[in-house]
C-alpha atoms as a PDB file:
ATOM      1  CA  MET A   1     -84.066 160.230  71.291  1.00  0.00           C
ATOM      2  CA  LYS A   2     -86.776 158.338  71.147  1.00  0.00           C
ATOM      3  CA  ALA A   3     -85.455 154.719  71.620  1.00  0.00           C
ATOM      4  CA  GLN A   4     -83.502 155.658  74.531  1.00  0.00           C
ATOM      5  CA  ASN A   5     -86.409 157.762  75.846  1.00  0.00           C
ATOM      6  CA  LEU A   6     -88.015 153.954  75.036  1.00  0.00           C
ATOM      7  CA  PHE A   7     -85.133 151.532  76.869  1.00  0.00           C
ATOM      8  CA  GLN A   8     -85.140 154.018  80.381  1.00  0.00           C
ATOM      9  CA  ASN A   9     -89.545 153.136  79.813  1.00  0.00           C
ATOM     10  CA  ILE A  10     -87.978 150.272  79.995  1.00  0.00           C
ATOM     11  CA  ILE A  11     -85.789 149.633  82.854  1.00  0.00           C
ATOM     12  CA  LYS A  12     -88.325 151.215  85.386  1.00  0.00           C
ATOM     13  CA  ASN A  13     -91.162 149.012  84.582  1.00  0.00           C
ATOM     14  CA  TRP A  14     -89.186 145.855  84.349  1.00  0.00           C
ATOM     15  CA  LEU A  15     -91.552 144.076  86.415  1.00  0.00           C
ATOM     16  CA  ALA A  16     -94.666 145.157  84.289  1.00  0.00           C
ATOM     17  CA  ILE A  17     -92.915 144.066  81.435  1.00  0.00           C
ATOM     18  CA  ILE A  18     -91.525 140.753  82.451  1.00  0.00           C
ATOM     19  CA  VAL A  19     -95.849 139.968  83.966  1.00  0.00           C
ATOM     20  CA  LEU A  20     -96.528 140.842  80.533  1.00  0.00           C
ATOM     21  CA  LEU A  21     -94.065 138.355  79.116  1.00  0.00           C
ATOM     22  CA  VAL A  22     -95.771 135.682  81.226  1.00  0.00           C
ATOM     23  CA  LEU A  23     -99.151 136.471  80.043  1.00  0.00           C
ATOM     24  CA  ALA A  24     -98.601 136.169  76.615  1.00  0.00           C
ATOM     25  CA  GLY A  25     -96.595 133.184  77.333  1.00  0.00           C
ATOM     26  CA  LEU A  26     -99.067 131.607  78.776  1.00  0.00           C
ATOM     27  CA  MET A  27    -102.034 132.720  76.274  1.00  0.00           C
ATOM     28  CA  THR A  28    -100.084 131.496  73.398  1.00  0.00           C
ATOM     29  CA  ASN A  29     -98.999 127.630  75.699  1.00  0.00           C
ATOM     30  CA  LEU A  30    -103.377 127.849  75.957  1.00  0.00           C
ATOM     31  CA  MET A  31    -104.364 128.937  72.306  1.00  0.00           C
ATOM     32  CA  THR A  32    -101.250 125.953  71.019  1.00  0.00           C
ATOM     33  CA  GLY A  33    -103.266 123.804  73.214  1.00  0.00           C
ATOM     34  CA  ASP A  34    -106.611 124.680  71.967  1.00  0.00           C
ATOM     35  CA  ILE A  35    -105.325 123.769  68.566  1.00  0.00           C
ATOM     36  CA  THR A  36    -103.365 120.721  69.500  1.00  0.00           C
ATOM     37  CA  ARG A  37    -106.852 119.446  71.312  1.00  0.00           C
ATOM     38  CA  MET A  38    -108.651 120.499  67.907  1.00  0.00           C
ATOM     39  CA  GLN A  39    -106.366 118.351  65.542  1.00  0.00           C
ATOM     40  CA  ALA A  40    -106.135 115.497  68.460  1.00  0.00           C
ATOM     41  CA  ALA A  41    -110.497 115.681  68.273  1.00  0.00           C
ATOM     42  CA  THR A  42    -112.541 112.216  66.900  1.00  0.00           C
ATOM     43  CA  THR A  43    -115.759 113.784  66.895  1.00  0.00           C
ATOM     44  CA  ASN A  44    -117.179 116.764  66.143  1.00  0.00           C
ATOM     45  CA  TYR A  45    -118.158 118.049  69.877  1.00  0.00           C
ATOM     46  CA  GLU A  46    -115.114 117.531  71.633  1.00  0.00           C
ATOM     47  CA  TYR A  47    -113.351 119.697  67.908  1.00  0.00           C
ATOM     48  CA  TYR A  48    -116.222 122.060  68.641  1.00  0.00           C
ATOM     49  CA  GLN A  49    -115.097 122.241  71.912  1.00  0.00           C
ATOM     50  CA  ASN A  50    -111.848 122.892  71.650  1.00  0.00           C
ATOM     51  CA  TYR A  51    -112.706 125.645  68.562  1.00  0.00           C
ATOM     52  CA  ILE A  52    -114.857 127.464  70.948  1.00  0.00           C
ATOM     53  CA  TYR A  53    -111.864 126.795  73.541  1.00  0.00           C
ATOM     54  CA  LEU A  54    -109.383 129.084  71.003  1.00  0.00           C
ATOM     55  CA  ILE A  55    -111.943 131.552  70.003  1.00  0.00           C
ATOM     56  CA  ASP A  56    -112.684 132.616  74.190  1.00  0.00           C
ATOM     57  CA  ASN A  57    -109.120 132.611  74.599  1.00  0.00           C
ATOM     58  CA  ILE A  58    -108.310 134.882  71.492  1.00  0.00           C
ATOM     59  CA  ALA A  59    -110.626 137.217  72.620  1.00  0.00           C
ATOM     60  CA  ARG A  60    -109.962 137.411  75.873  1.00  0.00           C
ATOM     61  CA  THR A  61    -106.315 138.529  74.936  1.00  0.00           C
ATOM     62  CA  PHE A  62    -108.012 141.058  72.631  1.00  0.00           C
ATOM     63  CA  PHE A  63    -110.067 142.585  75.006  1.00  0.00           C
ATOM     64  CA  PHE A  64    -107.130 142.543  77.426  1.00  0.00           C
ATOM     65  CA  CYS A  65    -104.777 144.006  75.052  1.00  0.00           C
ATOM     66  CA  ILE A  66    -107.397 147.204  74.801  1.00  0.00           C
ATOM     67  CA  PHE A  67    -108.041 147.420  77.832  1.00  0.00           C
ATOM     68  CA  MET A  68    -103.729 147.962  78.324  1.00  0.00           C
ATOM     69  CA  LEU A  69    -103.561 150.003  75.555  1.00  0.00           C
ATOM     70  CA  MET A  70    -106.113 152.469  77.292  1.00  0.00           C
ATOM     71  CA  VAL A  71    -104.034 151.937  80.209  1.00  0.00           C
ATOM     72  CA  TYR A  72    -100.710 152.648  78.988  1.00  0.00           C
ATOM     73  CA  LEU A  73    -101.401 155.888  76.655  1.00  0.00           C
ATOM     74  CA  THR A  74    -102.701 157.271  79.802  1.00  0.00           C
ATOM     75  CA  TYR A  75    -101.339 156.758  82.615  1.00  0.00           C
ATOM     76  CA  ILE A  76     -98.022 155.135  81.234  1.00  0.00           C
ATOM     77  CA  ASN A  77     -97.503 157.845  78.267  1.00  0.00           C
ATOM     78  CA  LYS A  78     -98.984 160.486  80.599  1.00  0.00           C
ATOM     79  CA  GLN A  79     -99.713 162.483  77.089  1.00  0.00           C
ATOM     80  CA  TYR A  80    -103.754 163.258  76.487  1.00  0.00           C
ATOM     81  CA  SER A  81    -104.300 161.142  72.810  1.00  0.00           C
ATOM     82  CA  LYS A  82    -107.703 161.368  71.071  1.00  0.00           C
ATOM     83  CA  TRP A  83    -106.331 157.149  70.399  1.00  0.00           C
ATOM     84  CA  CYS A  84    -108.333 156.502  74.924  1.00  0.00           C
ATOM     85  CA  VAL A  85    -111.817 157.338  73.047  1.00  0.00           C
ATOM     86  CA  ARG A  86    -110.967 155.793  69.295  1.00  0.00           C
ATOM     87  CA  LEU A  87    -109.715 152.657  71.589  1.00  0.00           C
ATOM     88  CA  PHE A  88    -113.198 153.036  73.590  1.00  0.00           C
ATOM     89  CA  TYR A  89    -115.145 153.353  70.639  1.00  0.00           C
ATOM     90  CA  LEU A  90    -113.372 150.114  69.434  1.00  0.00           C
ATOM     91  CA  LEU A  91    -114.276 148.473  72.571  1.00  0.00           C
ATOM     92  CA  GLY A  92    -117.628 148.649  72.060  1.00  0.00           C
ATOM     93  CA  ALA A  93    -118.301 147.807  68.317  1.00  0.00           C
ATOM     94  CA  SER A  94    -115.828 144.720  69.176  1.00  0.00           C
ATOM     95  CA  ALA A  95    -118.073 143.309  71.918  1.00  0.00           C
ATOM     96  CA  LEU A  96    -121.420 143.615  69.683  1.00  0.00           C
ATOM     97  CA  LEU A  97    -119.427 142.044  66.701  1.00  0.00           C
ATOM     98  CA  TYR A  98    -118.061 139.175  69.415  1.00  0.00           C
ATOM     99  CA  PHE A  99    -122.180 138.726  70.311  1.00  0.00           C
ATOM    100  CA  CYS A 100    -123.220 138.916  66.357  1.00  0.00           C
ATOM    101  CA  PHE A 101    -119.838 136.112  65.734  1.00  0.00           C
ATOM    102  CA  ALA A 102    -121.137 134.037  68.618  1.00  0.00           C
ATOM    103  CA  GLY A 103    -124.742 133.876  67.805  1.00  0.00           C
ATOM    104  CA  ILE A 104    -123.780 132.970  64.007  1.00  0.00           C
ATOM    105  CA  PHE A 105    -120.868 130.254  65.070  1.00  0.00           C
ATOM    106  CA  ILE A 106    -123.357 128.415  68.255  1.00  0.00           C
ATOM    107  CA  LYS A 107    -126.164 127.719  65.331  1.00  0.00           C
ATOM    108  CA  HIS A 108    -123.478 126.352  63.196  1.00  0.00           C
ATOM    109  CA  VAL A 109    -121.969 124.285  65.804  1.00  0.00           C
ATOM    110  CA  PHE A 110    -125.523 123.120  66.755  1.00  0.00           C
ATOM    111  CA  SER A 111    -126.707 122.048  63.225  1.00  0.00           C
ATOM    112  CA  LEU A 112    -122.986 119.720  63.056  1.00  0.00           C
ATOM    113  CA  VAL A 113    -122.640 118.333  66.944  1.00  0.00           C
ATOM    114  CA  GLU A 114    -123.928 114.851  66.952  1.00  0.00           C
ATOM    115  CA  VAL A 115    -127.373 113.564  68.901  1.00  0.00           C
ATOM    116  CA  GLU A 116    -125.625 112.479  71.282  1.00  0.00           C
ATOM    117  CA  TYR A 117    -123.714 115.340  73.245  1.00  0.00           C
ATOM    118  CA  ILE A 118    -127.147 117.241  72.033  1.00  0.00           C
ATOM    119  CA  ASP A 119    -127.349 116.929  76.605  1.00  0.00           C
ATOM    120  CA  LYS A 120    -123.843 118.841  76.856  1.00  0.00           C
ATOM    121  CA  PHE A 121    -124.137 121.848  73.745  1.00  0.00           C
ATOM    122  CA  HIS A 122    -125.456 123.952  76.322  1.00  0.00           C
ATOM    123  CA  LYS A 123    -122.144 124.046  77.787  1.00  0.00           C
ATOM    124  CA  LEU A 124    -120.228 124.791  74.259  1.00  0.00           C
ATOM    125  CA  ALA A 125    -123.024 127.992  74.499  1.00  0.00           C
ATOM    126  CA  HIS A 126    -122.170 129.630  77.753  1.00  0.00           C
ATOM    127  CA  ASN A 127    -118.255 129.099  77.304  1.00  0.00           C
ATOM    128  CA  LEU A 128    -118.442 131.123  73.606  1.00  0.00           C
ATOM    129  CA  TYR A 129    -121.073 134.188  75.246  1.00  0.00           C
ATOM    130  CA  THR A 130    -119.376 134.068  78.878  1.00  0.00           C
ATOM    131  CA  GLY A 131    -115.743 133.333  77.665  1.00  0.00           C
ATOM    132  CA  PRO A 132    -113.996 136.797  77.152  1.00  0.00           C
ATOM    133  CA  LEU A 133    -117.315 138.710  79.358  1.00  0.00           C
ATOM    134  CA  TYR A 134    -115.129 139.652  82.418  1.00  0.00           C
ATOM    135  CA  TRP A 135    -112.736 141.894  80.053  1.00  0.00           C
ATOM    136  CA  MET A 136    -115.578 143.384  78.128  1.00  0.00           C
ATOM    137  CA  ILE A 137    -116.662 144.404  81.828  1.00  0.00           C
ATOM    138  CA  ILE A 138    -113.591 144.796  83.557  1.00  0.00           C
ATOM    139  CA  GLY A 139    -112.855 147.072  80.267  1.00  0.00           C
ATOM    140  CA  TYR A 140    -116.509 149.088  80.569  1.00  0.00           C
ATOM    141  CA  PHE A 141    -116.031 149.204  84.371  1.00  0.00           C
ATOM    142  CA  PHE A 142    -112.056 151.617  84.446  1.00  0.00           C
ATOM    143  CA  THR A 143    -112.977 152.708  81.173  1.00  0.00           C
ATOM    144  CA  PRO A 144    -115.034 156.069  81.813  1.00  0.00           C
ATOM    145  CA  LYS A 145    -111.721 156.749  84.854  1.00  0.00           C
ATOM    146  CA  ILE A 146    -109.329 156.463  82.573  1.00  0.00           C
ATOM    147  CA  LEU A 147    -111.522 158.479  79.808  1.00  0.00           C
ATOM    148  CA  LYS A 148    -111.644 161.177  82.465  1.00  0.00           C
ATOM    149  CA  ASP A 149    -107.888 160.825  83.399  1.00  0.00           C
ATOM    150  CA  ALA A 150    -107.061 161.663  79.343  1.00  0.00           C
ATOM    151  CA  ARG A 151    -109.352 164.611  80.154  1.00  0.00           C
ATOM    152  CA  LYS A 152    -107.618 165.972  82.706  1.00  0.00           C
ATOM    153  CA  LEU A 153    -104.185 164.988  80.519  1.00  0.00           C
ATOM    154  CA  LYS A 154    -105.799 167.210  78.081  1.00  0.00           C
ATOM    155  CA  GLU A 155    -106.597 169.937  80.126  1.00  0.00           C
ATOM    156  CA  GLU A 156    -103.221 170.318  82.005  1.00  0.00           C
ATOM    157  CA  GLN A 157    -101.389 169.862  78.262  1.00  0.00           C
ATOM    158  CA  GLU A 158    -103.894 173.003  77.374  1.00  0.00           C
ATOM    159  CA  LEU A 159    -102.414 174.987  79.719  1.00  0.00           C
ATOM    160  CA  THR A 160     -98.626 174.429  80.421  1.00  0.00           C
ATOM    161  CA  ILE A 161     -99.203 175.479  75.935  1.00  0.00           C
END
Protein backbone atom coordinates (compact mmCIF):
# COMPACT_ATOMS: atom_id res chain seq x y z
CA MET A 1 0.00 0.00 0.00
CA LYS A 2 2.81 2.43 0.83
CA ALA A 3 4.54 1.83 -2.51
CA GLN A 4 1.29 2.62 -4.30
CA ASN A 5 0.93 5.92 -2.36
CA LEU A 6 4.52 6.83 -3.16
CA PHE A 7 3.93 6.15 -6.86
CA GLN A 8 0.77 8.28 -6.78
CA ASN A 9 2.68 11.15 -5.15
CA ILE A 10 5.37 10.92 -7.82
CA ILE A 11 2.75 11.10 -10.56
CA LYS A 12 1.13 14.14 -8.90
CA ASN A 13 4.46 15.92 -8.42
CA TRP A 14 6.19 15.02 -11.68
CA LEU A 15 7.34 18.60 -12.29
CA ALA A 16 9.02 18.78 -8.86
CA ILE A 17 10.70 15.42 -9.47
CA ILE A 18 12.05 16.61 -12.84
CA VAL A 19 13.38 19.85 -11.33
CA LEU A 20 15.09 17.95 -8.49
CA LEU A 21 16.64 15.48 -10.95
CA VAL A 22 17.95 18.34 -13.09
CA LEU A 23 19.42 20.00 -9.99
CA ALA A 24 21.01 16.71 -8.92
CA GLY A 25 22.54 16.28 -12.37
CA LEU A 26 23.83 19.84 -12.35
CA MET A 27 25.44 19.48 -8.91
CA THR A 28 26.98 16.14 -9.89
CA ASN A 29 28.41 17.74 -13.02
CA LEU A 30 29.84 20.64 -11.01
CA MET A 31 31.45 18.33 -8.46
CA THR A 32 32.91 16.08 -11.15
CA GLY A 33 34.35 19.14 -12.90
CA ASP A 34 35.93 20.32 -9.66
CA ILE A 35 37.58 16.94 -9.11
CA THR A 36 38.83 16.85 -12.70
CA ARG A 37 40.32 20.34 -12.38
CA MET A 38 41.93 19.36 -9.07
CA GLN A 39 43.64 16.43 -10.78
CA ALA A 40 44.84 18.65 -13.64
CA ALA A 41 46.14 21.45 -11.39
CA THR A 42 49.79 22.44 -11.85
CA THR A 43 50.16 24.66 -8.77
CA ASN A 44 49.01 24.43 -5.17
CA TYR A 45 46.87 27.55 -5.71
CA GLU A 46 44.93 25.93 -8.59
CA TYR A 47 44.56 22.71 -6.63
CA TYR A 48 43.19 24.40 -3.51
CA GLN A 49 41.02 26.77 -5.53
CA ASN A 50 39.22 23.79 -7.06
CA TYR A 51 39.23 22.01 -3.71
CA ILE A 52 37.43 24.98 -2.17
CA TYR A 53 34.94 24.98 -5.07
CA LEU A 54 34.30 21.29 -4.37
CA ILE A 55 33.75 21.95 -0.65
CA ASP A 56 31.45 24.83 -1.59
CA ASN A 57 29.36 22.65 -3.92
CA ILE A 58 29.10 19.85 -1.34
CA ALA A 59 28.04 22.31 1.38
CA ARG A 60 25.47 23.99 -0.88
CA THR A 61 24.00 20.60 -1.75
CA PHE A 62 23.91 19.56 1.91
CA PHE A 63 22.13 22.70 3.12
CA PHE A 64 19.73 22.65 0.16
CA CYS A 65 18.84 19.01 0.89
CA ILE A 66 18.16 19.74 4.57
CA PHE A 67 15.94 22.67 3.64
CA MET A 68 14.06 20.65 1.00
CA LEU A 69 13.59 17.78 3.46
CA MET A 70 12.00 20.21 5.92
CA VAL A 71 9.71 21.48 3.16
CA TYR A 72 8.83 17.92 2.15
CA LEU A 73 7.97 16.86 5.69
CA THR A 74 5.78 19.88 6.33
CA TYR A 75 4.10 20.71 3.04
CA ILE A 76 4.13 17.58 0.91
CA ASN A 77 3.86 14.84 3.55
CA LYS A 78 1.46 17.05 5.57
CA GLN A 79 1.92 15.13 8.79
CA TYR A 80 3.54 16.47 11.91
CA SER A 81 6.91 15.00 12.64
CA LYS A 82 9.54 15.94 15.20
CA TRP A 83 12.04 15.64 12.37
CA CYS A 84 11.40 19.24 11.30
CA VAL A 85 12.68 20.46 14.66
CA ARG A 86 15.57 18.00 14.57
CA LEU A 87 16.50 19.14 11.07
CA PHE A 88 16.47 22.74 12.29
CA TYR A 89 18.99 21.81 14.99
CA LEU A 90 21.00 19.85 12.43
CA LEU A 91 21.04 22.92 10.20
CA GLY A 92 22.37 25.07 13.03
CA ALA A 93 25.00 22.56 14.12
CA SER A 94 26.07 22.01 10.52
CA ALA A 95 26.52 25.75 9.94
CA LEU A 96 28.69 26.04 13.05
CA LEU A 97 30.74 23.00 12.06
CA TYR A 98 31.16 24.31 8.52
CA PHE A 99 32.56 27.65 9.68
CA CYS A 100 34.85 25.95 12.21
CA PHE A 101 36.12 23.68 9.44
CA ALA A 102 36.52 26.65 7.09
CA GLY A 103 38.68 28.49 9.62
CA ILE A 104 40.96 25.50 10.13
CA PHE A 105 41.10 24.68 6.43
CA ILE A 106 41.93 28.23 5.31
CA LYS A 107 44.88 28.33 7.74
CA HIS A 108 46.12 25.08 6.22
CA VAL A 109 45.74 26.44 2.68
CA PHE A 110 47.54 29.66 3.62
CA SER A 111 50.61 27.67 4.67
CA LEU A 112 50.68 25.73 1.38
CA VAL A 113 49.89 28.35 -1.28
CA GLU A 114 52.87 29.64 -3.25
CA VAL A 115 54.13 33.13 -2.46
CA GLU A 116 53.35 34.50 -5.93
CA TYR A 117 49.64 33.68 -5.42
CA ILE A 118 49.33 35.13 -1.92
CA ASP A 119 47.68 38.28 -3.30
CA LYS A 120 44.81 36.09 -4.60
CA PHE A 121 44.41 34.32 -1.26
CA HIS A 122 41.53 36.58 -0.18
CA LYS A 123 39.49 35.19 -3.09
CA LEU A 124 39.96 31.66 -1.76
CA ALA A 125 38.90 32.70 1.73
CA HIS A 126 35.90 34.60 0.37
CA ASN A 127 34.74 31.60 -1.68
CA LEU A 128 35.14 29.24 1.25
CA TYR A 129 33.26 31.40 3.76
CA THR A 130 30.46 32.72 1.55
CA GLY A 131 29.80 29.75 -0.74
CA PRO A 132 26.95 28.01 1.10
CA LEU A 133 25.90 31.18 2.93
CA TYR A 134 22.99 31.74 0.52
CA TRP A 135 21.34 28.43 1.39
CA MET A 136 22.04 28.92 5.08
CA ILE A 137 20.32 32.31 5.02
CA ILE A 138 17.38 31.02 2.96
CA GLY A 139 17.07 28.07 5.32
CA TYR A 140 17.04 30.24 8.43
CA PHE A 141 14.75 32.81 6.82
CA PHE A 142 12.01 30.28 5.98
CA THR A 143 12.52 27.83 8.85
CA PRO A 144 10.32 29.71 11.37
CA LYS A 145 7.40 29.57 8.91
CA ILE A 146 8.01 25.87 8.31
CA LEU A 147 8.13 25.18 12.06
CA LYS A 148 4.96 27.27 12.59
CA ASP A 149 3.15 25.30 9.89
CA ALA A 150 4.42 22.04 11.41
CA ARG A 151 3.00 23.12 14.78
CA LYS A 152 -0.36 23.83 13.07
CA LEU A 153 -0.26 20.34 11.57
CA LYS A 154 0.36 18.90 15.04
CA GLU A 155 -2.62 20.80 16.45
CA GLU A 156 -4.84 19.63 13.58
CA GLN A 157 -3.78 16.03 14.10
CA GLU A 158 -4.46 16.26 17.84
CA LEU A 159 -7.95 17.67 17.14
CA THR A 160 -8.80 14.85 14.74
CA ILE A 161 -7.84 12.21 17.31
